N, C-alpha and C. Protein backbone atom coordinates (compact mmCIF):
# COMPACT_ATOMS: atom_id res chain seq x y z
N MET A 1 3.76 9.84 -11.55
CA MET A 1 1.97 9.46 -12.03
C MET A 1 1.13 8.94 -11.06
N ALA A 2 1.23 8.45 -10.58
CA ALA A 2 0.41 7.95 -9.09
C ALA A 2 0.56 7.44 -7.91
N ILE A 3 0.47 7.53 -7.17
CA ILE A 3 0.56 7.46 -5.81
C ILE A 3 -0.93 6.54 -5.25
N GLU A 4 -1.00 5.53 -4.90
CA GLU A 4 -1.89 4.68 -4.16
C GLU A 4 -1.66 4.36 -2.88
N ILE A 5 -2.53 4.48 -2.19
CA ILE A 5 -1.96 3.77 -0.34
C ILE A 5 -3.17 2.67 -0.31
N GLY A 6 -2.74 1.71 0.80
CA GLY A 6 -3.48 0.97 1.31
C GLY A 6 -3.47 0.21 2.61
N THR A 7 -4.17 -0.12 3.14
CA THR A 7 -4.05 -1.27 4.31
C THR A 7 -4.69 -2.67 4.30
N GLY A 8 -3.75 -3.25 5.04
CA GLY A 8 -4.12 -4.28 5.28
C GLY A 8 -3.84 -5.50 6.65
N THR A 9 -4.54 -6.43 7.03
CA THR A 9 -4.19 -6.82 8.26
C THR A 9 -4.34 -8.41 8.22
N ASP A 10 -3.65 -8.73 9.47
CA ASP A 10 -3.86 -10.38 9.51
C ASP A 10 -4.51 -10.24 10.78
N LEU A 11 -5.34 -10.76 11.27
CA LEU A 11 -5.93 -10.68 12.61
C LEU A 11 -5.58 -11.61 13.35
N ARG A 12 -4.97 -12.84 12.87
CA ARG A 12 -4.93 -13.75 14.10
C ARG A 12 -3.36 -14.90 13.50
N GLY A 13 -2.99 -14.63 12.73
CA GLY A 13 -1.61 -15.22 12.31
C GLY A 13 -0.32 -14.67 12.48
N GLU A 14 -0.14 -13.42 13.04
CA GLU A 14 0.58 -12.71 12.71
C GLU A 14 1.45 -12.31 12.12
N ASP A 15 1.56 -12.50 10.81
CA ASP A 15 1.75 -12.65 9.50
C ASP A 15 2.12 -11.64 8.88
N CYS A 16 3.12 -10.58 9.08
CA CYS A 16 3.59 -9.69 8.27
C CYS A 16 3.29 -9.23 6.91
N THR A 17 3.80 -10.63 6.11
CA THR A 17 3.46 -10.67 4.88
C THR A 17 2.32 -10.82 4.40
N LYS A 18 1.48 -11.61 4.81
CA LYS A 18 0.39 -11.47 4.56
C LYS A 18 -0.01 -10.24 5.06
N ALA A 19 -0.21 -9.53 5.92
CA ALA A 19 -0.96 -8.27 5.90
C ALA A 19 -0.42 -7.10 4.83
N ALA A 20 0.98 -7.37 4.36
CA ALA A 20 1.67 -6.65 3.73
C ALA A 20 1.29 -6.85 2.22
N VAL A 21 0.92 -7.66 1.90
CA VAL A 21 0.12 -8.38 1.02
C VAL A 21 -1.26 -7.70 0.76
N ARG A 22 -2.09 -7.84 1.88
CA ARG A 22 -3.11 -7.29 1.45
C ARG A 22 -3.21 -5.76 1.52
N ALA A 23 -2.46 -5.03 1.98
CA ALA A 23 -2.55 -3.64 1.76
C ALA A 23 -1.96 -3.43 0.69
N VAL A 24 -1.25 -4.43 -0.01
CA VAL A 24 -0.74 -3.45 -1.73
C VAL A 24 -2.17 -3.62 -2.39
N LYS A 25 -2.93 -4.91 -1.88
CA LYS A 25 -4.02 -5.65 -2.82
C LYS A 25 -4.79 -4.27 -2.64
N ASP A 26 -5.11 -3.82 -1.61
CA ASP A 26 -5.99 -3.16 -1.46
C ASP A 26 -5.36 -1.52 -1.72
N ALA A 27 -4.32 -1.23 -2.19
CA ALA A 27 -4.15 0.04 -2.64
C ALA A 27 -4.18 -0.23 -4.21
N LEU A 28 -3.65 -1.22 -5.01
CA LEU A 28 -3.99 -1.81 -6.41
C LEU A 28 -5.62 -1.74 -6.41
N HIS A 29 -6.33 -2.36 -6.03
CA HIS A 29 -7.68 -2.46 -6.52
C HIS A 29 -8.72 -1.05 -5.66
N ARG A 30 -8.08 -0.35 -5.44
CA ARG A 30 -9.18 0.94 -5.22
C ARG A 30 -8.82 1.68 -6.87
N ASN A 31 -8.31 1.30 -7.53
CA ASN A 31 -7.68 2.39 -8.64
C ASN A 31 -7.79 1.59 -9.77
N GLY A 32 -7.98 2.11 -10.81
CA GLY A 32 -7.81 1.23 -12.37
C GLY A 32 -6.78 2.63 -12.96
N LEU A 33 -5.44 2.15 -13.51
CA LEU A 33 -4.69 3.58 -14.17
C LEU A 33 -4.91 2.78 -15.26
N THR A 34 -5.56 4.36 -16.20
CA THR A 34 -5.05 4.16 -17.72
C THR A 34 -4.26 4.92 -18.49
N VAL A 35 -3.10 5.37 -17.57
CA VAL A 35 -2.33 6.43 -17.96
C VAL A 35 -1.21 5.89 -18.72
N ALA A 36 -0.92 4.63 -18.95
CA ALA A 36 -0.21 3.57 -19.45
C ALA A 36 -0.54 3.98 -20.94
N ASP A 37 -1.80 3.24 -21.36
CA ASP A 37 -2.55 3.67 -22.55
C ASP A 37 -2.59 4.77 -23.05
N ALA A 38 -3.11 6.00 -22.15
CA ALA A 38 -3.23 7.11 -22.51
C ALA A 38 -1.32 7.67 -22.78
N LEU A 39 -0.42 7.23 -22.44
CA LEU A 39 0.74 7.72 -22.94
C LEU A 39 1.59 6.92 -24.11
N GLY A 40 0.95 5.98 -24.39
CA GLY A 40 1.13 4.95 -25.60
C GLY A 40 2.52 4.25 -25.15
N PHE A 41 2.74 3.36 -23.78
CA PHE A 41 3.66 2.74 -22.97
C PHE A 41 2.81 1.38 -22.74
N PRO A 42 3.35 0.27 -23.02
CA PRO A 42 2.69 -0.82 -22.52
C PRO A 42 2.85 -0.95 -20.95
N LYS A 43 1.87 -1.62 -20.09
CA LYS A 43 1.75 -1.88 -18.87
C LYS A 43 3.00 -2.40 -18.32
N SER A 44 3.47 -3.17 -19.23
CA SER A 44 4.96 -3.96 -18.73
C SER A 44 6.25 -3.14 -18.10
N ALA A 45 5.98 -1.73 -18.84
CA ALA A 45 7.10 -0.05 -18.70
C ALA A 45 6.74 0.68 -17.38
N MET A 46 5.59 -0.06 -16.79
CA MET A 46 5.52 1.28 -15.39
C MET A 46 6.51 0.23 -14.63
N LEU A 47 6.94 1.42 -13.65
CA LEU A 47 7.57 1.33 -12.51
C LEU A 47 6.67 1.42 -11.50
N VAL A 48 6.71 0.00 -11.03
CA VAL A 48 5.77 0.06 -9.28
C VAL A 48 6.70 0.12 -8.73
N ASP A 49 6.63 0.81 -7.34
CA ASP A 49 7.15 0.83 -6.75
C ASP A 49 6.56 0.64 -5.43
N ILE A 50 6.89 -0.18 -4.47
CA ILE A 50 6.22 -0.87 -3.02
C ILE A 50 6.80 -0.40 -2.17
N ARG A 51 6.29 0.05 -0.78
CA ARG A 51 6.64 -0.08 -0.12
C ARG A 51 5.70 0.02 1.55
N VAL A 52 6.17 -0.84 1.95
CA VAL A 52 5.27 -1.25 3.52
C VAL A 52 5.67 -1.03 4.86
N GLY A 53 4.65 -0.49 5.41
CA GLY A 53 4.86 -0.57 6.49
C GLY A 53 4.31 -1.50 7.54
N VAL A 54 5.51 -2.16 8.29
CA VAL A 54 5.06 -3.16 9.12
C VAL A 54 5.42 -3.70 10.12
N PRO A 55 4.96 -3.64 11.78
CA PRO A 55 5.74 -4.03 13.34
C PRO A 55 7.02 -4.62 12.85
N ASP A 56 7.32 -5.84 11.90
CA ASP A 56 8.64 -6.45 11.70
C ASP A 56 8.99 -6.45 9.87
N PRO A 57 9.67 -5.58 9.80
CA PRO A 57 9.87 -5.44 8.40
C PRO A 57 11.10 -6.88 7.64
N ALA A 58 11.66 -7.45 8.58
CA ALA A 58 12.89 -8.30 8.27
C ALA A 58 11.83 -9.60 7.96
N SER A 59 10.57 -9.84 8.58
CA SER A 59 10.20 -11.15 8.25
C SER A 59 9.02 -10.96 7.24
N VAL A 60 9.37 -10.09 6.57
CA VAL A 60 8.70 -9.81 5.15
C VAL A 60 9.14 -10.45 3.94
N ASP A 61 8.18 -11.34 3.35
CA ASP A 61 8.88 -11.98 1.91
C ASP A 61 8.53 -10.61 0.93
N LEU A 62 9.66 -10.38 0.37
CA LEU A 62 9.43 -9.13 -0.49
C LEU A 62 8.88 -9.42 -1.85
N ALA A 63 9.40 -10.78 -2.12
CA ALA A 63 8.98 -11.50 -3.45
C ALA A 63 7.42 -11.50 -3.72
N GLU A 64 6.95 -11.91 -2.72
CA GLU A 64 5.88 -12.34 -2.42
C GLU A 64 4.83 -10.91 -2.62
N VAL A 65 5.31 -9.97 -2.18
CA VAL A 65 4.91 -8.63 -1.79
C VAL A 65 4.73 -7.85 -3.31
N ALA A 66 6.20 -8.31 -3.75
CA ALA A 66 5.99 -7.54 -5.30
C ALA A 66 5.14 -8.32 -6.19
N ALA A 67 4.88 -9.71 -6.07
CA ALA A 67 3.84 -10.66 -6.87
C ALA A 67 2.81 -10.18 -6.86
N ALA A 68 2.26 -9.36 -5.88
CA ALA A 68 1.11 -8.71 -5.93
C ALA A 68 0.22 -7.50 -7.00
N ALA A 69 1.59 -7.05 -7.32
CA ALA A 69 1.40 -6.21 -8.82
C ALA A 69 1.15 -6.95 -9.61
N PRO A 70 0.34 -6.57 -10.83
CA PRO A 70 -0.30 -7.12 -11.83
C PRO A 70 0.98 -7.18 -12.81
N TYR A 71 1.49 -6.15 -12.96
CA TYR A 71 1.97 -6.03 -14.37
C TYR A 71 3.70 -4.81 -13.72
N GLY A 72 4.23 -4.66 -14.69
CA GLY A 72 5.13 -3.61 -14.36
C GLY A 72 7.10 -4.17 -14.33
N VAL A 73 7.82 -3.05 -13.77
CA VAL A 73 8.98 -3.50 -13.23
C VAL A 73 8.73 -3.05 -11.52
N VAL A 74 8.70 -3.99 -10.75
CA VAL A 74 8.39 -4.03 -9.35
C VAL A 74 9.24 -3.90 -8.68
N THR A 75 9.52 -3.14 -7.42
CA THR A 75 10.51 -2.91 -6.36
C THR A 75 9.93 -3.01 -5.57
N ALA A 76 10.12 -3.79 -4.18
CA ALA A 76 9.65 -3.77 -3.24
C ALA A 76 10.64 -3.63 -1.67
N GLU A 77 10.08 -2.87 -0.57
CA GLU A 77 10.49 -2.47 0.50
C GLU A 77 9.76 -2.75 1.50
N ALA A 78 10.38 -2.95 3.00
CA ALA A 78 9.92 -3.38 3.91
C ALA A 78 10.41 -2.15 5.09
N VAL A 79 9.44 -1.75 5.97
CA VAL A 79 9.92 -0.71 6.53
C VAL A 79 9.96 -0.84 7.80
N VAL A 80 9.72 -0.26 9.15
CA VAL A 80 9.22 -0.05 10.76
C VAL A 80 7.42 0.47 10.07
N GLY A 81 6.51 -0.04 10.85
CA GLY A 81 5.15 0.88 10.58
C GLY A 81 4.46 0.25 10.77
N GLY A 82 3.46 0.06 10.31
CA GLY A 82 2.33 -0.31 10.64
C GLY A 82 1.74 -0.50 11.99
N LEU A 83 0.97 -1.58 12.22
CA LEU A 83 0.34 -1.91 14.07
C LEU A 83 0.73 -3.05 14.52
N LYS A 84 0.85 -3.62 15.79
CA LYS A 84 0.67 -4.91 16.40
C LYS A 84 -0.14 -4.30 17.65
N ALA A 85 -1.51 -4.88 17.13
CA ALA A 85 -2.24 -4.69 18.46
C ALA A 85 -2.89 -6.05 19.08
N PRO A 86 -2.84 -6.00 20.62
CA PRO A 86 -3.23 -7.10 21.36
C PRO A 86 -4.75 -7.39 20.50
N ALA A 87 -4.81 -8.34 20.70
CA ALA A 87 -6.43 -8.98 19.94
C ALA A 87 -6.87 -9.56 21.35
N SER A 88 -8.23 -9.42 21.52
CA SER A 88 -9.38 -10.10 22.45
C SER A 88 -9.34 -11.16 22.89
N SER A 89 -8.84 -12.32 21.85
CA SER A 89 -8.55 -13.65 21.84
C SER A 89 -7.27 -14.12 22.34
N GLY A 90 -6.49 -13.43 23.04
CA GLY A 90 -4.83 -13.36 22.48
C GLY A 90 -4.02 -13.40 21.28
N GLY A 91 -2.71 -13.53 21.56
CA GLY A 91 -1.77 -13.04 20.25
C GLY A 91 -2.32 -11.75 19.67
N PHE A 92 -1.85 -11.30 18.43
CA PHE A 92 -1.77 -9.81 17.95
C PHE A 92 -2.23 -10.07 16.71
N THR A 93 -3.21 -8.76 16.43
CA THR A 93 -3.63 -8.50 15.16
C THR A 93 -2.60 -7.19 14.24
N LEU A 94 -2.19 -7.84 13.22
CA LEU A 94 -1.30 -6.81 12.45
C LEU A 94 -1.83 -6.25 11.26
N ILE A 95 -1.51 -4.83 11.56
CA ILE A 95 -1.59 -3.99 10.29
C ILE A 95 -0.95 -3.62 9.65
N ALA A 96 -0.62 -3.57 8.13
CA ALA A 96 0.03 -2.91 7.59
C ALA A 96 -0.07 -1.77 6.46
N ASN A 97 0.45 -0.83 6.40
CA ASN A 97 0.13 0.43 5.60
C ASN A 97 1.15 -0.29 4.36
N ALA A 98 0.76 0.37 3.20
CA ALA A 98 1.41 0.68 1.70
C ALA A 98 1.44 1.52 0.80
N ILE A 99 2.25 2.02 0.53
CA ILE A 99 2.41 2.85 -0.70
C ILE A 99 3.02 2.30 -2.07
N VAL A 100 1.92 2.70 -2.70
CA VAL A 100 2.28 1.88 -4.42
C VAL A 100 2.19 3.06 -5.56
N SER A 101 3.60 3.79 -5.59
CA SER A 101 3.81 4.60 -6.21
C SER A 101 4.04 4.09 -8.05
N VAL A 102 3.37 4.43 -8.91
CA VAL A 102 3.58 4.08 -10.54
C VAL A 102 4.30 5.70 -11.42
N SER A 103 4.65 5.17 -11.74
CA SER A 103 6.04 6.01 -12.99
C SER A 103 6.33 5.54 -13.88
N PHE A 104 7.09 5.78 -15.02
CA PHE A 104 7.58 5.65 -16.67
C PHE A 104 8.59 6.31 -16.70
N ASP A 105 9.51 5.37 -17.49
CA ASP A 105 10.88 6.58 -17.35
C ASP A 105 10.62 6.48 -19.33
N MET A 106 10.69 7.97 -18.66
CA MET A 106 10.46 9.39 -19.83
C MET A 106 11.68 10.29 -19.78
N GLU A 107 11.61 11.20 -21.41
CA GLU A 107 12.13 12.03 -21.52
C GLU A 107 11.40 13.05 -21.43
N ALA A 108 11.83 14.13 -21.26
CA ALA A 108 11.45 15.40 -21.57
C ALA A 108 11.08 15.55 -22.81
N VAL A 109 9.52 16.03 -23.02
CA VAL A 109 9.48 16.69 -24.42
C VAL A 109 9.52 18.27 -24.66
């Protein structure tokens, strides 16, 4: 039904979860989906699939990433991606990319 894309950063903390959550929120807050109402489904019936690309996917708290979605049946996955860039003050800045897809379990009419 819909695909939303977002970017999030953690400028100094080198926290992939923080960057991933920010990427999901960026994706979700760019759009207002009214498709549930248009199709007569409750928002809780939305199937929300989240995939975040981060430099260290094993460090991501997927429950925290999934909790960034306000409703629906949510699945979250972290994969290798994003960017780990040296910061001018030392350390690294992390950039995460998120793809959020929203669908419904529907029967063909």
